[in-house]
Amino acid sequence: MKQNLYLPEGRLIYTSANKSYTANAEGLERAFADGAILEGLCTLCDNGHNLHVRLGESTGIIPREESVYLREGERQKDIAIISRVGKPVCFKIIAMNGGAVTLSRKEAQRECTLMHIDKLRAGDIIPARVTHMESFGVFADVGCGIVSLLPIDTLSVSRISHPRDRICVGQDLFAVVKTPSDGSGRISLSHRELLGTWQENASLYSPGQTAAGVIRSIESYGVFVELTPNLAGLAEYKEGVEVGKSAAVYIKSIIRDKMKIKLVIIDTYPADSAPVPINYFIKQGHIDYWRYSPEECSKLVESVFA
């Protein structure tokens, strides 16, 4: 049976189906006949820029021209090939001649584009894996090594100075399709809609509690402390506060109709270098509309996907 799992690279390699297909020559023959998308570890990029992929006890070759699916007008970049060494790569088997196995990452990506990415609608929720970060956003693999952008302002409602404040390279996450493909295979993504509304996050806390947070900005009128990625409160300035530090804060009040949380900073301490685990309120399915702000709040924060 044909395997149609269009997941970020690295998500298939340890599955039982992938192990069965790549365990021996008979399994590879079945994969060839089934047209299965598989994964293996890339162990070498030779001087011809052909990728060598471990397949159980044997090795398959992805020729340079089969390494990346290029959309119209795109040029192949060497970095897109050599950066795969030491990492799992997806592929389809396109030829078997004796002990030689020829693979194509391009064909796996082409199928993923036509059968998965081009069929996504705005509001669909999909898995993704962070491949690299820039100051303006995160690039994430949305299937078979095909990369899409999550702009920094879509990562959360709470503002951050750099994506590394929120996530790390290699991290698996969920994203919602913001702009669907126009047939080119390119989509744009958002993330904040999956992290809960103001009320959903605020309901995790009560006045009188002391909670942990992260100092995100220091303004003339106070200090913004993030309690969750989609919830921040305002505290008066306290000596020694620094952006990026962790803080223990006392919750004075929660004002729903003004979407405000008033805090008192009790203490600050160095932040943990590891990103805080993401708490998703939505992980699958589809959303047409998302309203962050409570109904009675005059300030409207929303996302429209329909």
C-alpha atoms as a PDB file:
ATOM      1  CA  MET A   1       0.000   0.000   0.000  1.00  0.00           C
ATOM      2  CA  LYS A   2       1.318   3.449  -0.909  1.00  0.00           C
ATOM      3  CA  GLN A   3       2.549   5.485   2.020  1.00  0.00           C
ATOM      4  CA  ASN A   4       1.278   9.081   1.935  1.00  0.00           C
ATOM      5  CA  LEU A   5       2.809  10.751   4.952  1.00  0.00           C
ATOM      6  CA  TYR A   6       3.871  14.273   4.054  1.00  0.00           C
ATOM      7  CA  LEU A   7       5.619  15.149   7.289  1.00  0.00           C
ATOM      8  CA  PRO A   8       8.656  17.319   8.043  1.00  0.00           C
ATOM      9  CA  GLU A   9      11.942  15.549   7.372  1.00  0.00           C
ATOM     10  CA  GLY A  10      13.049  13.488  10.342  1.00  0.00           C
ATOM     11  CA  ARG A  11       9.531  12.446  11.340  1.00  0.00           C
ATOM     12  CA  LEU A  12       9.435   9.232   9.259  1.00  0.00           C
ATOM     13  CA  ILE A  13      12.899   7.770   9.671  1.00  0.00           C
ATOM     14  CA  TYR A  14      12.199   5.837  12.875  1.00  0.00           C
ATOM     15  CA  THR A  15       8.660   4.702  12.060  1.00  0.00           C
ATOM     16  CA  SER A  16       8.021   0.968  11.734  1.00  0.00           C
ATOM     17  CA  ALA A  17       6.902   1.357   8.093  1.00  0.00           C
ATOM     18  CA  ASN A  18      10.094   3.183   7.110  1.00  0.00           C
ATOM     19  CA  LYS A  19      12.280   0.661   8.949  1.00  0.00           C
ATOM     20  CA  SER A  20      10.504  -2.204   7.203  1.00  0.00           C
ATOM     21  CA  TYR A  21      10.955  -0.682   3.758  1.00  0.00           C
ATOM     22  CA  THR A  22      14.650   0.151   4.210  1.00  0.00           C
ATOM     23  CA  ALA A  23      15.746  -2.945   6.151  1.00  0.00           C
ATOM     24  CA  ASN A  24      16.819  -5.003   3.128  1.00  0.00           C
ATOM     25  CA  ALA A  25      16.692  -5.350  -0.665  1.00  0.00           C
ATOM     26  CA  GLU A  26      13.239  -6.932  -0.574  1.00  0.00           C
ATOM     27  CA  GLY A  27      11.868  -3.997   1.389  1.00  0.00           C
ATOM     28  CA  LEU A  28      13.390  -1.521  -1.036  1.00  0.00           C
ATOM     29  CA  GLU A  29      11.797  -3.406  -3.934  1.00  0.00           C
ATOM     30  CA  ARG A  30       8.409  -3.083  -2.212  1.00  0.00           C
ATOM     31  CA  ALA A  31       8.970   0.618  -1.612  1.00  0.00           C
ATOM     32  CA  PHE A  32       9.856   1.082  -5.299  1.00  0.00           C
ATOM     33  CA  ALA A  33       6.693  -0.728  -6.367  1.00  0.00           C
ATOM     34  CA  ASP A  34       4.526   1.145  -3.851  1.00  0.00           C
ATOM     35  CA  GLY A  35       5.933   4.572  -4.729  1.00  0.00           C
ATOM     36  CA  ALA A  36       6.502   5.157  -1.020  1.00  0.00           C
ATOM     37  CA  ILE A  37       8.107   8.247   0.403  1.00  0.00           C
ATOM     38  CA  LEU A  38      10.893   7.131   2.726  1.00  0.00           C
ATOM     39  CA  GLU A  39      13.645   8.647   4.841  1.00  0.00           C
ATOM     40  CA  GLY A  40      17.262   7.777   5.458  1.00  0.00           C
ATOM     41  CA  LEU A  41      20.317   9.403   6.995  1.00  0.00           C
ATOM     42  CA  CYS A  42      22.466  11.384   4.557  1.00  0.00           C
ATOM     43  CA  THR A  43      26.072  10.379   5.293  1.00  0.00           C
ATOM     44  CA  LEU A  44      27.997  12.101   2.483  1.00  0.00           C
ATOM     45  CA  CYS A  45      27.867  14.760  -0.206  1.00  0.00           C
ATOM     46  CA  ASP A  46      30.486  13.796  -2.776  1.00  0.00           C
ATOM     47  CA  ASN A  47      32.460  16.165  -5.008  1.00  0.00           C
ATOM     48  CA  GLY A  48      29.709  15.958  -7.623  1.00  0.00           C
ATOM     49  CA  HIS A  49      27.179  17.107  -5.028  1.00  0.00           C
ATOM     50  CA  ASN A  50      25.411  13.738  -5.048  1.00  0.00           C
ATOM     51  CA  LEU A  51      23.959  12.755  -1.686  1.00  0.00           C
ATOM     52  CA  HIS A  52      24.706   9.323  -0.229  1.00  0.00           C
ATOM     53  CA  VAL A  53      21.914   7.939   1.947  1.00  0.00           C
ATOM     54  CA  ARG A  54      22.103   5.021   4.350  1.00  0.00           C
ATOM     55  CA  LEU A  55      19.473   2.369   3.580  1.00  0.00           C
ATOM     56  CA  GLY A  56      19.794  -0.342   6.198  1.00  0.00           C
ATOM     57  CA  GLU A  57      23.004  -2.159   5.253  1.00  0.00           C
ATOM     58  CA  SER A  58      23.243  -0.549   1.799  1.00  0.00           C
ATOM     59  CA  THR A  59      23.562   2.968   0.369  1.00  0.00           C
ATOM     60  CA  GLY A  60      21.383   4.872  -2.050  1.00  0.00           C
ATOM     61  CA  ILE A  61      22.378   7.855  -4.176  1.00  0.00           C
ATOM     62  CA  ILE A  62      20.418  11.071  -4.703  1.00  0.00           C
ATOM     63  CA  PRO A  63      21.934  12.654  -7.848  1.00  0.00           C
ATOM     64  CA  ARG A  64      22.499  16.404  -7.630  1.00  0.00           C
ATOM     65  CA  GLU A  65      19.643  17.112 -10.055  1.00  0.00           C
ATOM     66  CA  GLU A  66      17.268  15.033  -7.898  1.00  0.00           C
ATOM     67  CA  SER A  67      18.101  16.686  -4.572  1.00  0.00           C
ATOM     68  CA  VAL A  68      15.633  19.600  -4.532  1.00  0.00           C
ATOM     69  CA  TYR A  69      12.266  20.289  -6.171  1.00  0.00           C
ATOM     70  CA  LEU A  70      12.606  23.695  -7.790  1.00  0.00           C
ATOM     71  CA  ARG A  71       9.604  25.873  -8.483  1.00  0.00           C
ATOM     72  CA  GLU A  72       9.395  27.954 -11.632  1.00  0.00           C
ATOM     73  CA  GLY A  73      12.049  30.668 -11.665  1.00  0.00           C
ATOM     74  CA  GLU A  74      14.074  29.172  -8.801  1.00  0.00           C
ATOM     75  CA  ARG A  75      17.757  28.294  -9.030  1.00  0.00           C
ATOM     76  CA  GLN A  76      19.362  25.419  -7.209  1.00  0.00           C
ATOM     77  CA  LYS A  77      21.597  26.503  -4.329  1.00  0.00           C
ATOM     78  CA  ASP A  78      24.516  24.341  -3.260  1.00  0.00           C
ATOM     79  CA  ILE A  79      23.794  25.079   0.409  1.00  0.00           C
ATOM     80  CA  ALA A  80      20.413  23.359   0.029  1.00  0.00           C
ATOM     81  CA  ILE A  81      22.309  20.178  -0.858  1.00  0.00           C
ATOM     82  CA  ILE A  82      25.380  20.185   1.365  1.00  0.00           C
ATOM     83  CA  SER A  83      23.377  21.204   4.449  1.00  0.00           C
ATOM     84  CA  ARG A  84      21.571  17.833   4.354  1.00  0.00           C
ATOM     85  CA  VAL A  85      24.674  15.852   5.392  1.00  0.00           C
ATOM     86  CA  GLY A  86      24.230  14.278   8.822  1.00  0.00           C
ATOM     87  CA  LYS A  87      20.460  14.733   8.714  1.00  0.00           C
ATOM     88  CA  PRO A  88      17.493  12.604   7.632  1.00  0.00           C
ATOM     89  CA  VAL A  89      16.378  13.184   4.046  1.00  0.00           C
ATOM     90  CA  CYS A  90      13.175  12.117   2.354  1.00  0.00           C
ATOM     91  CA  PHE A  91      13.132  10.421  -1.043  1.00  0.00           C
ATOM     92  CA  LYS A  92      11.390   8.137  -3.476  1.00  0.00           C
ATOM     93  CA  ILE A  93      13.207   5.270  -5.175  1.00  0.00           C
ATOM     94  CA  ILE A  94      13.334   5.979  -8.919  1.00  0.00           C
ATOM     95  CA  ALA A  95      15.629   3.192 -10.141  1.00  0.00           C
ATOM     96  CA  MET A  96      17.067  -0.124  -8.967  1.00  0.00           C
ATOM     97  CA  ASN A  97      19.794  -1.740 -11.039  1.00  0.00           C
ATOM     98  CA  GLY A  98      21.417  -4.667  -9.325  1.00  0.00           C
ATOM     99  CA  GLY A  99      22.806  -3.341  -6.071  1.00  0.00           C
ATOM    100  CA  ALA A 100      22.592   0.310  -7.160  1.00  0.00           C
ATOM    101  CA  VAL A 101      19.625   2.263  -5.795  1.00  0.00           C
ATOM    102  CA  THR A 102      18.873   5.707  -7.225  1.00  0.00           C
ATOM    103  CA  LEU A 103      16.782   8.035  -5.096  1.00  0.00           C
ATOM    104  CA  SER A 104      14.970  11.321  -5.687  1.00  0.00           C
ATOM    105  CA  ARG A 105      14.251  13.869  -2.993  1.00  0.00           C
ATOM    106  CA  LYS A 106      12.850  16.092  -5.750  1.00  0.00           C
ATOM    107  CA  GLU A 107      10.094  13.576  -6.562  1.00  0.00           C
ATOM    108  CA  ALA A 108       9.131  13.257  -2.899  1.00  0.00           C
ATOM    109  CA  GLN A 109       8.877  17.037  -2.645  1.00  0.00           C
ATOM    110  CA  ARG A 110       6.959  17.268  -5.921  1.00  0.00           C
ATOM    111  CA  GLU A 111       4.390  14.764  -4.666  1.00  0.00           C
ATOM    112  CA  CYS A 112       4.154  16.534  -1.313  1.00  0.00           C
ATOM    113  CA  THR A 113       3.522  19.843  -3.096  1.00  0.00           C
ATOM    114  CA  LEU A 114       0.838  18.492  -5.434  1.00  0.00           C
ATOM    115  CA  MET A 115      -0.922  16.131  -3.027  1.00  0.00           C
ATOM    116  CA  HIS A 116      -0.594  18.051   0.235  1.00  0.00           C
ATOM    117  CA  ILE A 117       0.633  21.648   0.188  1.00  0.00           C
ATOM    118  CA  ASP A 118      -1.342  22.801  -2.867  1.00  0.00           C
ATOM    119  CA  LYS A 119      -4.515  21.401  -1.257  1.00  0.00           C
ATOM    120  CA  LEU A 120      -4.183  23.225   2.061  1.00  0.00           C
ATOM    121  CA  ARG A 121      -6.687  25.970   2.856  1.00  0.00           C
ATOM    122  CA  ALA A 122      -6.224  29.065   4.968  1.00  0.00           C
ATOM    123  CA  GLY A 123      -6.996  28.004   8.543  1.00  0.00           C
ATOM    124  CA  ASP A 124      -5.750  24.418   8.240  1.00  0.00           C
ATOM    125  CA  ILE A 125      -3.552  23.311  11.149  1.00  0.00           C
ATOM    126  CA  ILE A 126      -0.437  21.352  10.228  1.00  0.00           C
ATOM    127  CA  PRO A 127       2.726  20.016  11.903  1.00  0.00           C
ATOM    128  CA  ALA A 128       6.039  21.752  11.172  1.00  0.00           C
ATOM    129  CA  ARG A 129       9.665  21.546  12.259  1.00  0.00           C
ATOM    130  CA  VAL A 130      11.918  24.590  12.726  1.00  0.00           C
ATOM    131  CA  THR A 131      14.875  24.520  10.307  1.00  0.00           C
ATOM    132  CA  HIS A 132      16.472  27.910  10.929  1.00  0.00           C
ATOM    133  CA  MET A 133      15.745  31.351  12.332  1.00  0.00           C
ATOM    134  CA  GLU A 134      16.293  34.961  11.358  1.00  0.00           C
ATOM    135  CA  SER A 135      15.486  38.130  13.270  1.00  0.00           C
ATOM    136  CA  PHE A 136      12.299  38.541  11.201  1.00  0.00           C
ATOM    137  CA  GLY A 137      10.908  35.050  11.660  1.00  0.00           C
ATOM    138  CA  VAL A 138      11.206  31.289  11.636  1.00  0.00           C
ATOM    139  CA  PHE A 139      11.581  28.975   8.667  1.00  0.00           C
ATOM    140  CA  ALA A 140       9.853  25.656   9.199  1.00  0.00           C
ATOM    141  CA  ASP A 141       9.673  22.402   7.248  1.00  0.00           C
ATOM    142  CA  VAL A 142       5.998  21.733   6.457  1.00  0.00           C
ATOM    143  CA  GLY A 143       6.565  18.452   4.631  1.00  0.00           C
ATOM    144  CA  CYS A 144       9.400  16.591   2.899  1.00  0.00           C
ATOM    145  CA  GLY A 145      11.870  19.395   3.486  1.00  0.00           C
ATOM    146  CA  ILE A 146       9.696  22.117   1.930  1.00  0.00           C
ATOM    147  CA  VAL A 147      10.118  25.265   3.988  1.00  0.00           C
ATOM    148  CA  SER A 148       7.637  28.037   4.868  1.00  0.00           C
ATOM    149  CA  LEU A 149       7.927  31.215   6.916  1.00  0.00           C
ATOM    150  CA  LEU A 150       6.400  32.098  10.272  1.00  0.00           C
ATOM    151  CA  PRO A 151       6.942  35.868  10.694  1.00  0.00           C
ATOM    152  CA  ILE A 152       8.042  36.868  14.195  1.00  0.00           C
ATOM    153  CA  ASP A 153       4.781  38.716  14.902  1.00  0.00           C
ATOM    154  CA  THR A 154       2.778  35.531  14.283  1.00  0.00           C
ATOM    155  CA  LEU A 155       4.680  33.428  16.834  1.00  0.00           C
ATOM    156  CA  SER A 156       2.682  34.763  19.800  1.00  0.00           C
ATOM    157  CA  VAL A 157       0.611  37.692  20.997  1.00  0.00           C
ATOM    158  CA  SER A 158       3.315  38.546  23.509  1.00  0.00           C
ATOM    159  CA  ARG A 159       6.079  40.406  21.690  1.00  0.00           C
ATOM    160  CA  ILE A 160       9.606  39.034  21.519  1.00  0.00           C
ATOM    161  CA  SER A 161      12.833  40.526  20.203  1.00  0.00           C
ATOM    162  CA  HIS A 162      14.001  37.397  18.365  1.00  0.00           C
ATOM    163  CA  PRO A 163      12.421  33.990  17.564  1.00  0.00           C
ATOM    164  CA  ARG A 164      15.033  32.274  19.767  1.00  0.00           C
ATOM    165  CA  ASP A 165      13.197  33.816  22.734  1.00  0.00           C
ATOM    166  CA  ARG A 166      10.321  31.490  21.926  1.00  0.00           C
ATOM    167  CA  ILE A 167      11.602  28.377  20.132  1.00  0.00           C
ATOM    168  CA  CYS A 168      14.748  26.586  18.954  1.00  0.00           C
ATOM    169  CA  VAL A 169      16.034  25.008  15.747  1.00  0.00           C
ATOM    170  CA  GLY A 170      14.841  21.427  15.361  1.00  0.00           C
ATOM    171  CA  GLN A 171      11.747  21.976  17.480  1.00  0.00           C
ATOM    172  CA  ASP A 172       8.479  20.386  16.364  1.00  0.00           C
ATOM    173  CA  LEU A 173       5.468  22.649  16.487  1.00  0.00           C
ATOM    174  CA  PHE A 174       2.019  23.180  15.025  1.00  0.00           C
ATOM    175  CA  ALA A 175       1.103  26.027  12.719  1.00  0.00           C
ATOM    176  CA  VAL A 176      -1.979  27.361  10.966  1.00  0.00           C
ATOM    177  CA  VAL A 177      -1.941  28.148   7.255  1.00  0.00           C
ATOM    178  CA  LYS A 178      -2.237  31.912   6.881  1.00  0.00           C
ATOM    179  CA  THR A 179      -1.957  32.154   3.094  1.00  0.00           C
ATOM    180  CA  PRO A 180      -2.541  29.022   0.970  1.00  0.00           C
ATOM    181  CA  SER A 181      -0.517  28.032  -2.075  1.00  0.00           C
ATOM    182  CA  ASP A 182      -1.189  29.763  -5.377  1.00  0.00           C
ATOM    183  CA  GLY A 183       0.023  26.670  -7.175  1.00  0.00           C
ATOM    184  CA  SER A 184       3.683  27.420  -6.537  1.00  0.00           C
ATOM    185  CA  GLY A 185       3.840  25.343  -3.353  1.00  0.00           C
ATOM    186  CA  ARG A 186       4.540  28.419  -1.239  1.00  0.00           C
ATOM    187  CA  ILE A 187       2.413  29.009   1.840  1.00  0.00           C
ATOM    188  CA  SER A 188       2.724  31.339   4.824  1.00  0.00           C
ATOM    189  CA  LEU A 189       2.071  30.299   8.402  1.00  0.00           C
ATOM    190  CA  SER A 190       0.952  31.647  11.755  1.00  0.00           C
ATOM    191  CA  HIS A 191       1.254  30.244  15.263  1.00  0.00           C
ATOM    192  CA  ARG A 192      -0.302  32.537  17.860  1.00  0.00           C
ATOM    193  CA  GLU A 193      -3.877  31.391  17.157  1.00  0.00           C
ATOM    194  CA  LEU A 194      -3.060  27.954  18.569  1.00  0.00           C
ATOM    195  CA  LEU A 195      -1.808  29.312  21.911  1.00  0.00           C
ATOM    196  CA  GLY A 196      -5.171  30.325  23.370  1.00  0.00           C
ATOM    197  CA  THR A 197      -7.250  33.471  23.730  1.00  0.00           C
ATOM    198  CA  TRP A 198      -6.684  36.119  26.382  1.00  0.00           C
ATOM    199  CA  GLN A 199      -9.438  34.604  28.526  1.00  0.00           C
ATOM    200  CA  GLU A 200      -8.161  31.036  28.129  1.00  0.00           C
ATOM    201  CA  ASN A 201      -4.707  32.103  29.281  1.00  0.00           C
ATOM    202  CA  ALA A 202      -5.917  34.472  31.997  1.00  0.00           C
ATOM    203  CA  SER A 203      -8.099  31.710  33.474  1.00  0.00           C
ATOM    204  CA  LEU A 204      -4.888  29.887  34.422  1.00  0.00           C
ATOM    205  CA  TYR A 205      -4.224  32.574  37.064  1.00  0.00           C
ATOM    206  CA  SER A 206      -6.018  34.285  39.942  1.00  0.00           C
ATOM    207  CA  PRO A 207      -5.399  37.499  41.908  1.00  0.00           C
ATOM    208  CA  GLY A 208      -3.266  36.815  44.969  1.00  0.00           C
ATOM    209  CA  GLN A 209      -1.113  34.207  43.275  1.00  0.00           C
ATOM    210  CA  THR A 210       2.617  34.473  42.693  1.00  0.00           C
ATOM    211  CA  ALA A 211       3.677  33.148  39.309  1.00  0.00           C
ATOM    212  CA  ALA A 212       6.774  32.799  37.127  1.00  0.00           C
ATOM    213  CA  GLY A 213       7.241  34.966  34.059  1.00  0.00           C
ATOM    214  CA  VAL A 214       9.774  36.451  31.658  1.00  0.00           C
ATOM    215  CA  ILE A 215      10.557  40.161  31.350  1.00  0.00           C
ATOM    216  CA  ARG A 216       9.914  41.086  27.709  1.00  0.00           C
ATOM    217  CA  SER A 217      10.168  44.883  27.652  1.00  0.00           C
ATOM    218  CA  ILE A 218      10.863  47.841  29.914  1.00  0.00           C
ATOM    219  CA  GLU A 219       8.924  51.019  29.154  1.00  0.00           C
ATOM    220  CA  SER A 220       8.740  54.441  30.817  1.00  0.00           C
ATOM    221  CA  TYR A 221       5.388  53.479  32.340  1.00  0.00           C
ATOM    222  CA  GLY A 222       6.255  49.981  33.504  1.00  0.00           C
ATOM    223  CA  VAL A 223       7.638  46.525  32.832  1.00  0.00           C
ATOM    224  CA  PHE A 224       5.879  43.948  30.663  1.00  0.00           C
ATOM    225  CA  VAL A 225       6.175  40.431  32.047  1.00  0.00           C
ATOM    226  CA  GLU A 226       5.105  37.477  29.936  1.00  0.00           C
ATOM    227  CA  LEU A 227       3.193  34.831  31.875  1.00  0.00           C
ATOM    228  CA  THR A 228       2.465  32.665  28.826  1.00  0.00           C
ATOM    229  CA  PRO A 229       3.286  33.252  25.127  1.00  0.00           C
ATOM    230  CA  ASN A 230      -0.184  34.758  24.662  1.00  0.00           C
ATOM    231  CA  LEU A 231      -0.464  36.603  27.977  1.00  0.00           C
ATOM    232  CA  ALA A 232       1.551  39.441  29.498  1.00  0.00           C
ATOM    233  CA  GLY A 233       0.965  41.741  32.452  1.00  0.00           C
ATOM    234  CA  LEU A 234       2.294  45.149  33.462  1.00  0.00           C
ATOM    235  CA  ALA A 235       4.318  45.797  36.600  1.00  0.00           C
ATOM    236  CA  GLU A 236       5.915  48.880  38.106  1.00  0.00           C
ATOM    237  CA  TYR A 237       9.630  49.276  37.519  1.00  0.00           C
ATOM    238  CA  LYS A 238      11.898  47.491  39.993  1.00  0.00           C
ATOM    239  CA  GLU A 239      15.646  47.984  40.356  1.00  0.00           C
ATOM    240  CA  GLY A 240      17.641  45.260  38.651  1.00  0.00           C
ATOM    241  CA  VAL A 241      15.071  44.213  36.052  1.00  0.00           C
ATOM    242  CA  GLU A 242      16.467  43.311  32.617  1.00  0.00           C
ATOM    243  CA  VAL A 243      14.817  42.166  29.407  1.00  0.00           C
ATOM    244  CA  GLY A 244      15.096  38.390  29.101  1.00  0.00           C
ATOM    245  CA  LYS A 245      15.394  37.725  32.827  1.00  0.00           C
ATOM    246  CA  SER A 246      12.918  35.447  34.568  1.00  0.00           C
ATOM    247  CA  ALA A 247      10.751  36.985  37.268  1.00  0.00           C
ATOM    248  CA  ALA A 248       8.537  35.952  40.147  1.00  0.00           C
ATOM    249  CA  VAL A 249       5.471  38.204  40.051  1.00  0.00           C
ATOM    250  CA  TYR A 250       2.531  38.768  42.387  1.00  0.00           C
ATOM    251  CA  ILE A 251      -0.797  39.061  40.556  1.00  0.00           C
ATOM    252  CA  LYS A 252      -2.643  42.118  41.891  1.00  0.00           C
ATOM    253  CA  SER A 253      -5.646  42.078  39.584  1.00  0.00           C
ATOM    254  CA  ILE A 254      -7.073  40.674  36.338  1.00  0.00           C
ATOM    255  CA  ILE A 255      -9.275  43.131  34.431  1.00  0.00           C
ATOM    256  CA  ARG A 256     -11.170  41.285  31.728  1.00  0.00           C
ATOM    257  CA  ASP A 257     -12.943  44.176  29.990  1.00  0.00           C
ATOM    258  CA  LYS A 258      -9.646  46.039  29.577  1.00  0.00           C
ATOM    259  CA  MET A 259      -7.611  42.898  28.864  1.00  0.00           C
ATOM    260  CA  LYS A 260      -5.092  43.840  31.548  1.00  0.00           C
ATOM    261  CA  ILE A 261      -3.203  42.073  34.288  1.00  0.00           C
ATOM    262  CA  LYS A 262      -1.515  44.147  37.002  1.00  0.00           C
ATOM    263  CA  LEU A 263       1.604  42.647  38.548  1.00  0.00           C
ATOM    264  CA  VAL A 264       4.212  43.296  41.215  1.00  0.00           C
ATOM    265  CA  ILE A 265       7.732  42.007  40.584  1.00  0.00           C
ATOM    266  CA  ILE A 266       8.906  40.087  43.652  1.00  0.00           C
ATOM    267  CA  ASP A 267      12.271  38.922  42.391  1.00  0.00           C
ATOM    268  CA  THR A 268      14.289  38.376  39.200  1.00  0.00           C
ATOM    269  CA  TYR A 269      16.817  35.727  38.282  1.00  0.00           C
ATOM    270  CA  PRO A 270      18.734  34.519  35.188  1.00  0.00           C
ATOM    271  CA  ALA A 271      16.523  32.909  32.561  1.00  0.00           C
ATOM    272  CA  ASP A 272      16.750  29.243  31.693  1.00  0.00           C
ATOM    273  CA  SER A 273      18.481  28.945  28.310  1.00  0.00           C
ATOM    274  CA  ALA A 274      15.959  26.369  27.075  1.00  0.00           C
ATOM    275  CA  PRO A 275      12.700  27.660  25.538  1.00  0.00           C
ATOM    276  CA  VAL A 276       9.581  27.166  27.628  1.00  0.00           C
ATOM    277  CA  PRO A 277       7.492  24.168  26.409  1.00  0.00           C
ATOM    278  CA  ILE A 278       4.610  25.300  24.212  1.00  0.00           C
ATOM    279  CA  ASN A 279       1.114  24.867  25.643  1.00  0.00           C
ATOM    280  CA  TYR A 280      -1.270  24.424  22.710  1.00  0.00           C
ATOM    281  CA  PHE A 281      -4.983  25.023  23.063  1.00  0.00           C
ATOM    282  CA  ILE A 282      -5.546  23.771  19.480  1.00  0.00           C
ATOM    283  CA  LYS A 283      -3.384  21.136  17.747  1.00  0.00           C
ATOM    284  CA  GLN A 284      -5.402  19.864  14.818  1.00  0.00           C
ATOM    285  CA  GLY A 285      -8.284  20.570  12.483  1.00  0.00           C
ATOM    286  CA  HIS A 286      -9.240  23.876  10.912  1.00  0.00           C
ATOM    287  CA  ILE A 287     -10.184  27.368  12.081  1.00  0.00           C
ATOM    288  CA  ASP A 288     -11.950  30.081  10.061  1.00  0.00           C
ATOM    289  CA  TYR A 289     -11.903  32.790  12.708  1.00  0.00           C
ATOM    290  CA  TRP A 290     -10.052  33.445  15.952  1.00  0.00           C
ATOM    291  CA  ARG A 291     -10.709  36.242  18.403  1.00  0.00           C
ATOM    292  CA  TYR A 292      -8.081  36.814  21.047  1.00  0.00           C
ATOM    293  CA  SER A 293      -9.796  39.615  22.951  1.00  0.00           C
ATOM    294  CA  PRO A 294     -12.839  39.053  25.222  1.00  0.00           C
ATOM    295  CA  GLU A 295     -16.221  40.090  23.798  1.00  0.00           C
ATOM    296  CA  GLU A 296     -16.657  42.915  26.295  1.00  0.00           C
ATOM    297  CA  CYS A 297     -13.250  44.420  25.520  1.00  0.00           C
ATOM    298  CA  SER A 298     -13.296  47.429  23.185  1.00  0.00           C
ATOM    299  CA  LYS A 299      -9.912  46.508  21.739  1.00  0.00           C
ATOM    300  CA  LEU A 300     -10.281  43.892  19.011  1.00  0.00           C
ATOM    301  CA  VAL A 301      -7.493  41.398  18.326  1.00  0.00           C
ATOM    302  CA  GLU A 302      -8.538  38.773  15.778  1.00  0.00           C
ATOM    303  CA  SER A 303      -7.468  36.597  12.854  1.00  0.00           C
ATOM    304  CA  VAL A 304      -9.726  35.859   9.880  1.00  0.00           C
ATOM    305  CA  PHE A 305      -8.898  32.839   7.719  1.00  0.00           C
ATOM    306  CA  ALA A 306     -12.141  32.170   5.846  1.00  0.00           C
END
